[in-house]
Protein backbone atom coordinates (compact mmCIF):
# COMPACT_ATOMS: atom_id res chain seq x y z
CA MET A 1 -0.02 -12.91 -8.49
CA GLU A 2 -2.24 -10.42 -6.86
CA ILE A 3 -0.55 -8.28 -4.37
CA ASP A 4 -2.84 -6.07 -1.77
CA ILE A 5 -0.88 -3.58 0.09
CA TYR A 6 -2.84 -2.13 3.14
CA SER A 7 -1.02 1.33 3.87
CA ASP A 8 -1.36 4.57 4.97
CA VAL A 9 0.18 7.56 3.10
CA VAL A 10 1.70 9.13 6.46
CA CYS A 11 3.07 5.94 7.37
CA PRO A 12 7.15 5.99 6.79
CA TRP A 13 7.28 2.07 7.03
CA CYS A 14 4.51 1.84 4.40
CA TYR A 15 6.86 4.07 1.90
CA ILE A 16 10.07 2.00 2.74
CA GLY A 17 7.79 -1.48 2.51
CA LYS A 18 6.51 -0.48 -0.99
CA ARG A 19 10.02 0.61 -2.31
CA ARG A 20 11.27 -2.80 -0.80
CA LEU A 21 8.51 -4.74 -2.61
CA GLU A 22 9.41 -3.03 -5.76
CA GLN A 23 13.06 -3.92 -5.14
CA ALA A 24 12.21 -7.74 -4.88
CA LEU A 25 10.01 -7.47 -7.84
CA GLU A 26 12.94 -6.70 -9.91
CA SER A 27 14.25 -10.21 -10.01
CA TYR A 28 10.80 -12.00 -10.18
CA ASP A 29 9.69 -12.84 -13.40
CA GLY A 30 5.95 -13.77 -12.74
CA ASP A 31 2.98 -11.50 -13.61
CA VAL A 32 2.02 -9.34 -10.81
CA THR A 33 -0.67 -6.98 -10.40
CA ILE A 34 -0.68 -4.47 -7.23
CA ARG A 35 -3.51 -3.13 -5.63
CA PHE A 36 -3.54 -0.35 -2.91
CA ARG A 37 -5.64 -0.82 -0.11
CA PRO A 38 -6.62 2.10 2.38
CA PHE A 39 -5.98 2.01 6.11
CA GLN A 40 -6.08 5.02 8.69
CA LEU A 41 -3.69 4.91 11.58
CA ASP A 42 -5.53 7.91 13.00
CA PRO A 43 -8.79 8.99 11.54
CA THR A 44 -8.97 11.76 14.32
CA PRO A 45 -9.86 15.26 12.21
CA VAL A 46 -7.09 17.51 12.11
CA ASP A 47 -8.47 21.29 12.36
CA GLU A 48 -4.92 22.84 11.93
CA PRO A 49 -1.94 20.81 10.92
CA ARG A 50 1.14 21.10 13.03
CA PRO A 51 4.61 19.84 12.73
CA LEU A 52 4.77 16.17 13.03
CA VAL A 53 7.19 15.78 15.77
CA ASP A 54 4.96 17.84 18.17
CA ALA A 55 1.86 15.88 16.95
CA LEU A 56 3.42 12.51 17.85
CA ALA A 57 5.40 13.55 20.98
CA ALA A 58 2.91 12.40 23.12
CA LYS A 59 2.32 9.16 21.57
CA PHE A 60 6.34 8.24 21.14
CA GLY A 61 7.22 9.53 24.85
CA GLY A 62 8.18 13.12 24.54
CA PRO A 63 9.75 15.30 21.51
CA GLU A 64 13.31 13.49 22.05
CA ARG A 65 12.22 10.39 21.79
CA ALA A 66 10.15 11.15 18.83
CA ARG A 67 13.42 12.60 17.04
CA GLN A 68 15.38 9.55 17.88
CA ILE A 69 12.55 7.47 16.10
CA PHE A 70 12.39 9.87 12.99
CA GLU A 71 16.34 9.73 12.77
CA HIS A 72 16.54 5.81 12.84
CA THR A 73 13.56 5.64 10.34
CA THR A 74 15.25 8.39 7.92
CA ALA A 75 18.25 6.52 8.07
CA THR A 76 16.62 3.16 7.32
CA ALA A 77 14.95 4.87 4.54
CA ALA A 78 18.11 6.27 3.01
CA GLN A 79 19.30 2.50 2.68
CA SER A 80 16.29 2.00 0.00
CA GLY A 81 16.95 5.38 -1.83
CA LEU A 82 14.46 7.51 -0.02
CA THR A 83 14.74 10.98 1.49
CA LEU A 84 12.67 11.76 4.47
CA HIS A 85 12.48 15.19 6.13
CA PHE A 86 10.32 14.55 9.17
CA ASP A 87 11.35 18.24 10.28
CA ARG A 88 9.05 19.43 7.42
CA ALA A 89 6.36 16.83 7.71
CA VAL A 90 2.88 18.06 9.25
CA ASN A 91 0.04 15.74 10.56
CA ALA A 92 -3.01 15.23 8.28
CA ASN A 93 -6.07 13.22 8.25
CA THR A 94 -5.59 10.72 5.53
CA PHE A 95 -9.10 10.09 4.42
CA ASP A 96 -9.27 12.19 1.27
CA ALA A 97 -5.89 11.25 0.36
CA HIS A 98 -7.15 7.68 0.26
CA ARG A 99 -10.12 8.73 -1.82
CA LEU A 100 -7.74 10.35 -4.35
CA VAL A 101 -5.67 6.95 -4.41
CA TRP A 102 -9.21 5.23 -5.19
CA PHE A 103 -10.02 7.98 -7.99
CA ALA A 104 -6.26 7.52 -9.46
CA ASP A 105 -6.90 3.82 -9.46
CA THR A 106 -10.01 4.31 -11.61
CA ARG A 107 -7.65 6.23 -14.11
CA GLY A 108 -4.82 3.64 -13.84
CA ARG A 109 -2.81 5.92 -11.77
CA ALA A 110 -2.90 4.72 -8.59
CA ALA A 111 1.03 3.67 -8.18
CA GLU A 112 1.92 7.21 -9.45
CA MET A 113 -0.72 8.98 -6.87
CA ILE A 114 0.65 6.98 -4.06
CA ASP A 115 4.30 7.82 -4.83
CA ALA A 116 3.42 11.40 -5.31
CA LEU A 117 1.57 11.41 -1.73
CA TYR A 118 4.56 9.97 -0.05
CA GLN A 119 7.03 12.19 -1.47
CA ALA A 120 4.96 15.29 -0.95
CA HIS A 121 4.49 14.56 2.94
CA PHE A 122 7.89 13.06 3.81
CA THR A 123 10.15 14.99 1.65
CA GLU A 124 8.31 18.28 1.16
CA GLY A 125 6.06 18.78 3.84
CA VAL A 126 3.01 19.43 2.14
CA ASP A 127 -0.30 18.93 3.94
CA VAL A 128 -1.64 15.92 2.55
CA GLY A 129 -5.21 16.66 4.34
CA SER A 130 -5.65 19.92 2.27
CA ARG A 131 -7.93 19.36 -0.77
CA ALA A 132 -6.24 21.95 -2.62
CA ALA A 133 -2.81 20.55 -1.93
CA LEU A 134 -4.34 16.95 -2.99
CA ALA A 135 -5.45 18.20 -6.02
CA ALA A 136 -2.17 19.66 -7.05
CA LEU A 137 -0.50 16.22 -6.27
CA ALA A 138 -3.11 14.55 -8.73
CA GLY A 139 -1.71 16.89 -11.42
CA ARG A 140 1.83 15.62 -10.76
CA ALA A 141 0.59 12.35 -10.67
CA GLY A 142 -0.66 12.44 -14.38
CA LEU A 143 -4.36 13.24 -13.48
CA ASP A 144 -6.47 16.26 -14.35
CA GLU A 145 -6.02 18.74 -11.66
CA SER A 146 -9.32 20.20 -11.86
CA GLU A 147 -11.25 17.23 -12.23
CA ALA A 148 -9.52 15.64 -9.00
CA ARG A 149 -10.50 18.94 -7.26
CA GLU A 150 -14.28 18.32 -8.22
CA PHE A 151 -13.84 14.72 -7.08
CA LEU A 152 -12.59 15.67 -3.81
CA ASP A 153 -15.08 18.35 -3.49
CA SER A 154 -18.03 15.76 -3.85
CA SER A 155 -18.79 12.62 -1.64
CA ALA A 156 -17.72 10.14 -4.53
CA GLY A 157 -15.56 7.35 -3.29
CA GLU A 158 -16.26 8.00 0.27
CA ALA A 159 -18.52 4.92 0.75
CA GLU A 160 -16.24 2.86 -1.16
CA VAL A 161 -12.93 3.93 0.93
CA ARG A 162 -14.88 3.46 4.17
CA ALA A 163 -15.96 -0.07 3.24
CA GLU A 164 -12.32 -1.15 2.35
CA ILE A 165 -11.12 0.43 5.54
CA ASP A 166 -13.90 -1.44 7.36
CA GLY A 167 -12.92 -4.56 5.50
CA ALA A 168 -9.28 -4.43 6.46
CA ARG A 169 -10.10 -4.59 10.17
CA GLN A 170 -12.68 -7.33 9.49
CA LEU A 171 -9.81 -9.32 7.83
CA GLY A 172 -7.53 -8.74 10.85
CA VAL A 173 -5.30 -6.25 9.38
CA THR A 174 -4.25 -4.00 12.58
CA SER A 175 -0.83 -2.40 11.26
CA VAL A 176 0.54 -1.25 8.27
CA PRO A 177 2.13 -2.01 5.81
CA THR A 178 0.40 -5.35 5.42
CA PHE A 179 1.07 -7.21 2.16
CA VAL A 180 -1.57 -9.81 1.11
CA PHE A 181 -0.14 -12.16 -1.70
CA ALA A 182 -2.71 -14.11 -3.79
CA GLY A 183 -5.47 -13.10 -1.50
CA LYS A 184 -4.24 -15.71 1.17
CA TYR A 185 -0.96 -15.08 2.62
CA ALA A 186 -0.18 -11.81 4.63
CA VAL A 187 3.14 -10.42 5.64
CA THR A 188 3.40 -7.65 8.04
CA GLY A 189 5.98 -4.87 8.10
CA ALA A 190 8.49 -3.33 5.88
CA GLN A 191 10.49 -6.73 5.34
CA GLU A 192 13.51 -6.71 3.67
CA PRO A 193 13.75 -7.13 -0.29
CA GLU A 194 15.34 -10.53 0.05
CA THR A 195 12.42 -11.78 2.51
CA LEU A 196 9.55 -10.63 0.08
CA ARG A 197 11.43 -12.11 -2.82
CA ALA A 198 11.52 -15.44 -0.95
CA VAL A 199 7.70 -14.97 -0.09
CA LEU A 200 7.17 -14.30 -3.69
CA ASP A 201 8.78 -17.78 -4.47
CA GLU A 202 6.97 -19.45 -1.69
CA VAL A 203 3.50 -18.13 -2.90
CA THR A 204 4.36 -19.08 -6.45
CA ARG A 205 5.34 -22.55 -5.34
CA ARG A 206 1.96 -22.99 -3.29
CA GLU A 207 -0.12 -21.59 -5.82
CA ALA A 208 1.34 -24.03 -8.35
CA ALA A 209 1.01 -27.02 -5.92
CA ASP A 210 -2.67 -25.84 -5.36
CA LYS A 211 -3.47 -25.92 -8.99
CA ALA A 212 -1.98 -29.78 -9.52
CA ILE A 213 -3.81 -31.07 -6.10
CA ARG A 214 -7.51 -31.97 -5.68
CA PRO A 215 -9.34 -33.94 -3.09
CA LEU A 216 -9.60 -37.58 -4.13
CA GLY A 217 -13.20 -38.29 -5.66
CA GLN A 218 -13.49 -34.67 -7.00
CA PRO A 219 -13.97 -34.39 -10.66
CA GLY A 220 -11.00 -33.49 -12.42
CA GLY A 221 -12.39 -31.86 -15.64
CA THR A 222 -10.38 -31.34 -18.70
CA PRO A 223 -7.09 -33.29 -18.41
CA ALA A 224 -3.92 -31.57 -17.61
CA ALA A 225 -0.52 -31.78 -19.29
CA GLY A 226 0.56 -35.57 -18.92
CA GLU A 227 -2.59 -36.87 -18.00
CA CYS A 228 -5.20 -39.23 -19.63
CA THR A 229 -9.07 -39.51 -18.55
CA ASP A 230 -11.56 -42.08 -20.17
CA ASP A 231 -12.04 -39.92 -22.79
CA ALA A 232 -8.90 -37.86 -23.62
CA CYS A 233 -5.46 -37.62 -23.04
CA ALA A 234 -3.24 -34.25 -22.58
CA VAL A 235 0.47 -33.81 -23.73
């Protein structure tokens, strides 16, 4: 099963949602391929990073309300074994971070890159909009730091990442995290592991049923197990 995760690396619920999906997959025995898809909650350029609580105060209704939201989110993340330090986090434009995930994916290290970015932003207070910081994080994710910096300083991956972000909007993705199972079924929000496990089972059931069902009058092709045609039987 293919699972596309639309997320932004400065979204705490995306971090929590990823961990909850991992927990759900621990008891799932099917084959799964996870693909990380980019989404920018705020594409506005950031000239000078500042504390996240200050940057988001207006959006959340003031600094005190922002702190209350951060406290709730921190407590929820802790239940999944994640440590968030919003007091250290700074605001950042995430386009280059998404490019770096795209680059990491070409080398089979996308999951490691995503984890490094989440930890850097939410736990360590790293500016994930800084190319120097991003290159260092690439090294932490098992990539060559110099190669990553050369990539970031080029225009490579820009068109591809923009196309994926635009494609997400065209698909109707308006919030993150959004999980798309088997290219057909969308689940939004950081659902509990039990809910995601139930979704995995339901999608597996539906996909199996789809393979067994065909419109009447459509040729069936090679007989499946337990089926006979004019020319052959399969067992």
